[in-house]
Protein backbone atom coordinates (compact mmCIF):
# COMPACT_ATOMS: atom_id res chain seq x y z
CA MET A 1 20.42 45.16 57.32
CA LYS A 2 19.49 41.58 56.35
CA ASN A 3 16.00 40.77 55.40
CA LEU A 4 14.88 38.35 58.07
CA ASN A 5 11.44 37.67 56.55
CA PRO A 6 11.60 33.95 55.66
CA SER A 7 8.61 34.35 53.34
CA SER A 8 10.68 36.60 51.08
CA HIS A 9 13.40 33.94 50.70
CA LEU A 10 10.67 31.32 49.98
CA THR A 11 9.15 33.55 47.30
CA ARG A 12 12.50 34.15 45.67
CA ARG A 13 13.37 30.45 45.66
CA THR A 14 9.94 29.60 44.19
CA LEU A 15 10.35 32.15 41.41
CA LEU A 16 13.82 30.81 40.60
CA SER A 17 12.60 27.23 40.52
CA ALA A 18 9.68 28.17 38.30
CA ALA A 19 12.06 29.99 35.92
CA ALA A 20 14.32 26.94 35.78
CA CYS A 21 11.41 24.66 35.01
CA ALA A 22 10.20 26.97 32.24
CA VAL A 23 13.65 26.69 30.60
CA ALA A 24 13.79 22.89 31.01
CA LEU A 25 10.30 22.02 29.80
CA PRO A 26 9.82 21.43 26.08
CA ALA A 27 7.64 23.75 24.12
CA PHE A 28 4.63 21.44 24.13
CA ALA A 29 4.53 21.52 27.93
CA GLN A 30 4.47 25.32 27.94
CA ASN A 31 1.83 25.41 25.17
CA LYS A 32 -1.25 23.39 24.68
CA PRO A 33 -0.52 20.31 22.49
CA LEU A 34 -2.01 20.51 19.02
CA LYS A 35 -5.01 18.25 18.58
CA LEU A 36 -4.62 15.86 15.63
CA ARG A 37 -7.20 13.27 14.49
CA TYR A 38 -5.54 10.39 12.79
CA GLN A 39 -7.54 8.05 10.61
CA LEU A 40 -6.25 4.44 10.49
CA ASP A 41 -7.22 2.37 7.52
CA TRP A 42 -8.30 -0.60 9.57
CA ARG A 43 -9.11 -1.80 13.03
CA ILE A 44 -6.68 -1.75 15.96
CA GLY A 45 -4.43 -4.66 15.22
CA ALA A 46 -0.91 -5.49 14.13
CA SER A 47 -0.66 -2.79 11.52
CA ALA A 48 -1.67 -0.17 14.10
CA THR A 49 1.09 -1.19 16.54
CA PRO A 50 3.55 1.69 15.79
CA TYR A 51 0.80 4.26 16.07
CA VAL A 52 -0.41 2.81 19.35
CA VAL A 53 3.09 2.63 20.81
CA ALA A 54 3.78 6.24 19.79
CA LEU A 55 0.50 7.22 21.38
CA ARG A 56 0.71 5.30 24.69
CA LYS A 57 4.46 5.94 25.23
CA GLY A 58 4.09 9.70 24.69
CA TYR A 59 6.12 9.95 21.50
CA PHE A 60 3.41 12.04 19.86
CA LEU A 61 3.20 14.21 22.91
CA ASP A 62 6.96 14.70 22.78
CA GLU A 63 6.35 16.32 19.37
CA GLY A 64 3.63 18.61 20.83
CA LEU A 65 0.70 16.57 19.47
CA ASP A 66 -2.45 15.44 21.20
CA VAL A 67 -3.32 12.53 18.74
CA THR A 68 -6.56 10.58 18.52
CA LEU A 69 -6.53 7.35 16.64
CA ASN A 70 -9.69 6.45 14.83
CA VAL A 71 -10.33 2.95 13.38
CA GLY A 72 -11.11 2.60 9.68
CA THR A 73 -12.67 0.33 7.07
CA GLY A 74 -10.24 0.74 4.18
CA SER A 75 -8.00 3.21 2.37
CA ALA A 76 -10.87 4.81 0.38
CA GLY A 77 -12.57 5.58 3.66
CA THR A 78 -9.41 7.29 4.95
CA VAL A 79 -9.26 9.62 1.95
CA GLN A 80 -12.96 10.40 2.32
CA ARG A 81 -12.67 11.16 6.02
CA ILE A 82 -9.76 13.56 5.39
CA VAL A 83 -11.61 15.29 2.62
CA ALA A 84 -14.75 15.63 4.81
CA GLY A 85 -12.69 17.29 7.56
CA ASN A 86 -13.04 14.41 9.98
CA ALA A 87 -9.27 13.79 10.18
CA GLU A 88 -6.19 15.85 9.58
CA MET A 89 -4.01 12.87 8.70
CA GLY A 90 -4.39 9.13 8.05
CA THR A 91 -3.15 5.93 6.62
CA GLY A 92 -4.28 5.15 3.06
CA ASP A 93 -3.19 3.46 -0.20
CA VAL A 94 -1.80 5.98 -2.70
CA SER A 95 -3.76 4.31 -5.48
CA ALA A 96 -6.99 5.13 -3.60
CA LEU A 97 -5.72 8.68 -3.26
CA ALA A 98 -5.05 8.92 -6.97
CA GLU A 99 -8.46 7.49 -7.95
CA PHE A 100 -10.28 9.94 -5.65
CA ALA A 101 -8.29 12.82 -6.96
CA ALA A 102 -9.02 11.79 -10.61
CA ASN A 103 -12.76 11.82 -10.05
CA ASN A 104 -13.23 14.79 -7.71
CA PRO A 105 -12.26 18.41 -7.81
CA GLY A 106 -9.27 19.67 -5.89
CA ILE A 107 -6.44 17.86 -4.08
CA PRO A 108 -8.07 15.63 -1.40
CA ALA A 109 -4.88 14.87 0.53
CA LYS A 110 -1.16 14.46 0.00
CA ALA A 111 1.08 11.58 0.72
CA VAL A 112 3.81 12.81 3.06
CA MET A 113 5.62 9.52 3.77
CA LEU A 114 5.47 6.11 2.12
CA ILE A 115 4.96 3.14 4.46
CA TYR A 116 4.66 0.16 2.17
CA GLU A 117 6.96 -0.05 -0.90
CA HIS A 118 4.52 -2.51 -2.51
CA THR A 119 0.79 -2.90 -2.33
CA ALA A 120 -0.24 -5.31 0.44
CA ALA A 121 -3.52 -6.10 -1.37
CA SER A 122 -4.03 -9.86 -1.82
CA ALA A 123 -6.61 -12.50 -2.56
CA PHE A 124 -7.09 -15.35 -0.15
CA ALA A 125 -8.61 -18.85 -0.52
CA LEU A 126 -8.56 -22.07 1.49
CA LYS A 127 -6.49 -24.92 -0.08
CA LYS A 128 -9.32 -27.30 0.35
CA SER A 129 -11.32 -25.30 -2.19
CA GLY A 130 -8.84 -26.23 -4.97
CA ILE A 131 -8.20 -22.50 -5.69
CA LEU A 132 -4.51 -22.30 -6.00
CA THR A 133 -3.75 -19.75 -8.78
CA PRO A 134 -5.30 -16.65 -10.28
CA ALA A 135 -6.74 -18.76 -13.09
CA ASP A 136 -8.76 -20.73 -10.58
CA LEU A 137 -10.71 -17.57 -9.64
CA LYS A 138 -12.88 -17.81 -12.73
CA GLY A 139 -16.53 -18.28 -11.82
CA LYS A 140 -15.90 -17.83 -8.13
CA ARG A 141 -17.63 -15.57 -5.50
CA LEU A 142 -15.36 -12.98 -3.95
CA ALA A 143 -16.22 -11.05 -0.78
CA ALA A 144 -14.87 -7.83 0.64
CA PRO A 145 -16.01 -4.45 1.93
CA VAL A 146 -16.69 -1.99 -0.89
CA SER A 147 -13.86 0.28 0.31
CA ASP A 148 -11.25 -2.57 0.50
CA THR A 149 -8.14 -1.79 -1.45
CA GLY A 150 -7.87 -5.35 -2.65
CA ARG A 151 -11.33 -5.14 -4.13
CA LYS A 152 -10.68 -1.79 -5.78
CA LEU A 153 -7.43 -2.98 -7.27
CA PHE A 154 -8.81 -6.36 -8.32
CA PRO A 155 -9.34 -5.25 -11.98
CA LEU A 156 -5.58 -4.70 -12.23
CA PHE A 157 -4.89 -8.08 -10.75
CA ALA A 158 -7.42 -9.68 -13.18
CA LEU A 159 -5.92 -7.85 -16.20
CA ALA A 160 -2.38 -8.99 -15.32
CA ASN A 161 -3.54 -12.62 -14.98
CA GLY A 162 -5.84 -13.08 -18.00
CA LEU A 163 -9.17 -12.60 -16.17
CA ASP A 164 -12.16 -10.44 -16.99
CA ALA A 165 -12.86 -8.65 -13.74
CA ALA A 166 -16.47 -7.86 -14.81
CA GLN A 167 -17.40 -11.19 -16.20
CA ASP A 168 -15.37 -13.85 -14.50
CA VAL A 169 -16.09 -13.23 -10.85
CA SER A 170 -18.97 -12.04 -8.75
CA TRP A 171 -18.75 -9.93 -5.61
CA LEU A 172 -20.39 -9.98 -2.18
CA SER A 173 -20.25 -6.76 -0.24
CA VAL A 174 -19.66 -7.49 3.44
CA GLU A 175 -18.79 -5.78 6.63
CA PRO A 176 -15.05 -5.98 7.54
CA ALA A 177 -15.66 -8.16 10.57
CA LEU A 178 -17.56 -10.73 8.53
CA ARG A 179 -15.19 -11.16 5.56
CA GLU A 180 -12.94 -14.04 6.74
CA THR A 181 -15.93 -15.69 8.51
CA MET A 182 -17.67 -15.96 5.17
CA LEU A 183 -14.65 -17.63 3.61
CA VAL A 184 -14.32 -20.13 6.43
CA ARG A 185 -18.14 -20.97 6.26
CA GLY A 186 -17.98 -21.50 2.52
CA GLN A 187 -20.30 -18.44 1.85
CA ALA A 188 -17.52 -16.96 -0.30
CA ASP A 189 -14.84 -18.77 -2.35
CA VAL A 190 -12.30 -15.95 -2.07
CA VAL A 191 -11.77 -12.77 -0.07
CA THR A 192 -9.55 -9.80 -0.74
CA GLY A 193 -7.74 -7.75 1.77
CA ASN A 194 -4.40 -6.74 3.31
CA VAL A 195 -2.05 -9.67 3.65
CA SER A 196 -1.34 -9.25 7.37
CA SER A 197 -4.77 -8.34 8.65
CA ALA A 198 -6.48 -11.18 6.72
CA LEU A 199 -4.02 -13.80 7.90
CA VAL A 200 -4.48 -12.67 11.43
CA SER A 201 -8.26 -12.84 11.21
CA LEU A 202 -8.16 -16.35 9.62
CA GLY A 203 -5.77 -17.45 12.36
CA LYS A 204 -8.28 -16.26 14.93
CA LEU A 205 -10.85 -18.45 13.31
CA GLY A 206 -8.63 -21.51 13.66
CA ILE A 207 -7.22 -21.72 10.12
CA PRO A 208 -3.49 -22.55 10.10
CA ARG A 209 -1.27 -20.62 7.70
CA SER A 210 -0.47 -23.86 5.84
CA GLU A 211 -4.12 -24.13 4.76
CA ILE A 212 -4.34 -20.64 3.33
CA VAL A 213 -3.62 -19.68 -0.29
CA VAL A 214 -2.23 -16.11 -0.57
CA MET A 215 -2.13 -14.45 -3.95
CA ARG A 216 -0.32 -11.16 -3.40
CA TYR A 217 -1.08 -8.67 -6.10
CA ALA A 218 2.50 -7.37 -6.01
CA GLU A 219 3.76 -10.87 -6.87
CA HIS A 220 1.21 -11.35 -9.67
CA GLY A 221 1.80 -8.42 -11.99
CA VAL A 222 0.59 -5.36 -10.01
CA PRO A 223 3.60 -3.07 -9.38
CA LEU A 224 1.91 -0.42 -7.29
CA TYR A 225 2.96 1.43 -4.20
CA GLY A 226 1.03 0.56 -1.08
CA ASN A 227 0.03 2.58 2.03
CA ALA A 228 1.35 6.01 2.88
CA ILE A 229 0.73 8.52 5.59
CA LEU A 230 -1.58 11.18 4.19
CA ALA A 231 -2.33 14.71 5.32
CA HIS A 232 -4.90 17.35 4.35
CA PRO A 233 -3.31 20.12 2.32
CA ALA A 234 -4.61 22.84 4.61
CA PHE A 235 -3.13 21.10 7.65
CA ILE A 236 0.22 20.72 5.82
CA LYS A 237 0.20 24.52 5.01
CA GLU A 238 -0.87 25.57 8.50
CA HIS A 239 1.09 23.05 10.63
CA PRO A 240 4.09 21.72 8.67
CA ALA A 241 6.09 21.15 11.84
CA ALA A 242 3.26 19.07 13.30
CA VAL A 243 3.31 16.83 10.22
CA THR A 244 7.07 16.26 10.55
CA GLY A 245 6.68 15.72 14.24
CA PHE A 246 4.02 13.01 13.70
CA LEU A 247 6.27 11.24 11.22
CA LYS A 248 9.25 11.35 13.61
CA ALA A 249 7.13 9.87 16.42
CA TYR A 250 5.86 7.12 14.13
CA LEU A 251 9.35 6.24 12.97
CA ARG A 252 10.62 6.28 16.53
CA ALA A 253 7.95 3.71 17.41
CA VAL A 254 8.68 1.59 14.28
CA LYS A 255 12.34 1.34 15.28
CA GLU A 256 11.44 0.34 18.82
CA VAL A 257 8.81 -2.19 17.72
CA ASN A 258 11.17 -3.76 15.22
CA LEU A 259 13.66 -4.44 18.00
CA ASP A 260 11.04 -5.69 20.50
CA ARG A 261 8.04 -7.08 18.64
CA PRO A 262 6.48 -8.90 21.55
CA GLY A 263 6.80 -5.77 23.55
CA GLY A 264 5.02 -3.80 20.84
CA ILE A 265 2.13 -6.25 20.90
CA ALA A 266 1.97 -5.97 24.72
CA VAL A 267 1.44 -2.26 24.34
CA LEU A 268 -1.19 -2.99 21.67
CA LYS A 269 -2.90 -5.30 24.16
CA GLN A 270 -3.13 -2.57 26.71
CA HIS A 271 -4.80 -0.32 24.22
CA GLU A 272 -7.11 -2.99 22.82
CA PRO A 273 -7.58 -5.79 25.36
CA LEU A 274 -9.55 -8.02 22.95
CA ILE A 275 -6.75 -8.71 20.56
CA ASP A 276 -5.24 -12.19 20.26
CA GLU A 277 -1.56 -11.52 21.03
CA LYS A 278 -0.25 -14.69 19.24
CA ASN A 279 -2.04 -13.92 15.98
CA GLU A 280 -1.32 -10.18 16.08
CA LEU A 281 2.38 -10.93 16.65
CA ALA A 282 2.37 -13.19 13.55
CA GLY A 283 0.80 -10.30 11.60
CA LEU A 284 3.33 -7.81 12.95
CA HIS A 285 6.21 -10.03 11.68
CA ILE A 286 4.66 -9.96 8.17
CA ILE A 287 4.23 -6.20 8.33
CA ILE A 288 7.83 -5.49 9.47
CA ASP A 289 9.65 -8.14 7.41
CA GLN A 290 7.60 -8.05 4.20
CA GLU A 291 5.94 -4.60 4.02
CA LEU A 292 7.80 -1.93 6.02
CA GLY A 293 11.18 -3.55 5.78
CA SER A 294 11.53 -3.64 2.01
CA ALA A 295 15.02 -3.78 0.49
CA ASN A 296 14.81 -0.15 -0.47
CA ALA A 297 13.62 0.96 3.00
CA ARG A 298 16.58 -0.95 4.60
CA ARG A 299 19.04 0.67 2.17
CA ASN A 300 17.72 4.23 1.92
CA GLY A 301 15.29 4.62 4.79
CA VAL A 302 11.54 4.56 5.02
CA GLY A 303 9.38 7.11 3.29
CA GLU A 304 10.31 8.46 -0.11
CA ILE A 305 7.90 8.29 -3.07
CA ASP A 306 9.32 8.37 -6.58
CA PRO A 307 6.95 10.42 -8.75
CA ALA A 308 7.86 8.39 -11.90
CA LYS A 309 6.86 5.16 -10.27
CA PHE A 310 3.69 6.74 -8.88
CA ARG A 311 2.95 7.95 -12.48
CA GLN A 312 3.25 4.33 -13.73
CA GLY A 313 0.76 3.32 -11.06
CA ILE A 314 -1.74 5.94 -12.12
CA ASP A 315 -1.37 4.86 -15.80
CA LEU A 316 -2.11 1.32 -14.80
CA LEU A 317 -5.25 2.43 -12.88
CA SER A 318 -6.49 4.29 -15.96
CA LYS A 319 -6.54 1.01 -17.84
CA VAL A 320 -9.13 -0.57 -15.62
CA THR A 321 -10.84 2.38 -13.84
CA ALA A 322 -12.82 5.19 -15.34
CA LEU A 323 -10.85 8.27 -14.33
CA ASN A 324 -12.34 11.66 -15.17
CA THR A 325 -8.88 13.24 -15.17
CA THR A 326 -5.29 12.06 -14.84
CA PRO A 327 -3.81 13.53 -11.59
CA ARG A 328 -0.21 14.61 -11.55
CA PRO A 329 1.84 12.64 -8.99
CA GLU A 330 3.59 15.88 -8.01
CA ASP A 331 0.25 17.26 -6.86
CA LEU A 332 -0.48 14.31 -4.60
CA ILE A 333 2.82 13.95 -2.74
CA ASP A 334 4.85 16.25 -0.50
CA MET A 335 8.27 14.90 0.41
CA SER A 336 9.45 18.24 1.91
CA LEU A 337 8.24 17.32 5.40
CA LEU A 338 10.05 14.02 5.69
CA PRO A 339 12.23 13.70 8.75
CA SER A 340 16.04 13.32 8.20
CA ARG A 341 17.40 10.20 6.59
CA ALA A 342 18.88 9.28 9.91
CA ASP A 343 15.45 9.24 11.44
CA ARG A 344 14.11 7.18 8.63
CA MET A 345 16.77 4.45 8.90
CA VAL A 346 14.69 2.45 11.34
CA PHE A 347 16.01 -0.97 10.39
């Protein structure tokens, strides 16, 4: 005899539908996404665009990650926050990582993917000041936050260009938001910083690119790697798939932003309404074309760190910085979690 109870058919259909959904849903939807605190090295601006796109478009969530982006004040600050347990991953300069490791016990973090093939640290002056070359910095006042990578690497820049970093210049320690303002007001002769963020900030203050002198360390004798994505060693050990997932989501966003840069800035504007879209777009072009899109990254994909080149950078640092020990590059990098080369061919 047929079962004429309509509720039994409804229950059966409901159970079948639920089972189908369970099969169709990705793992992160069935399990609670893993919380991940990510420390940016700077404020929300052009350099943060891929992270913001990955966050707001759900690319991190697709990898099972509930990511929080925290603004920063420089690479040294990123390393310190990871060490202190305030972030699981973050963006930081590998030279800042090496210096911290040299002067503190243990391995503070590991670089899991290179972002910038060359350091983006630079010195900036206004053309009207008459400062056009590194030699013109002698006797000048420089301003930067104490954790700024450009300030920390200045001794190498000085050494490569015949300057005495301790005697030839003086430093003013400033908050990040005031640095470029001090240059424009004449309260500092030169500022150091990341090439894209500094140019964006000066543009917001009404200074056209044609009136800005940019001395990129990488073009003046400082052959160092730049920023990388860092992760705490314990997080790498406990959640290796999460690290790889984060990198995949980031690369997915980089590829998308490269193809639609105004669209990337539009997403950034949704996240941080106070940005100046025109200036941030100009900064994004610099980041993609001159930093992320190096010849090697376009040829071999984003991300790999050569231990031999990293060793050369550490040896250079030791010439101008008091290092208690000499860290081994192999202890500070972990390339085993990189996504596939196909995922890393974002250009």
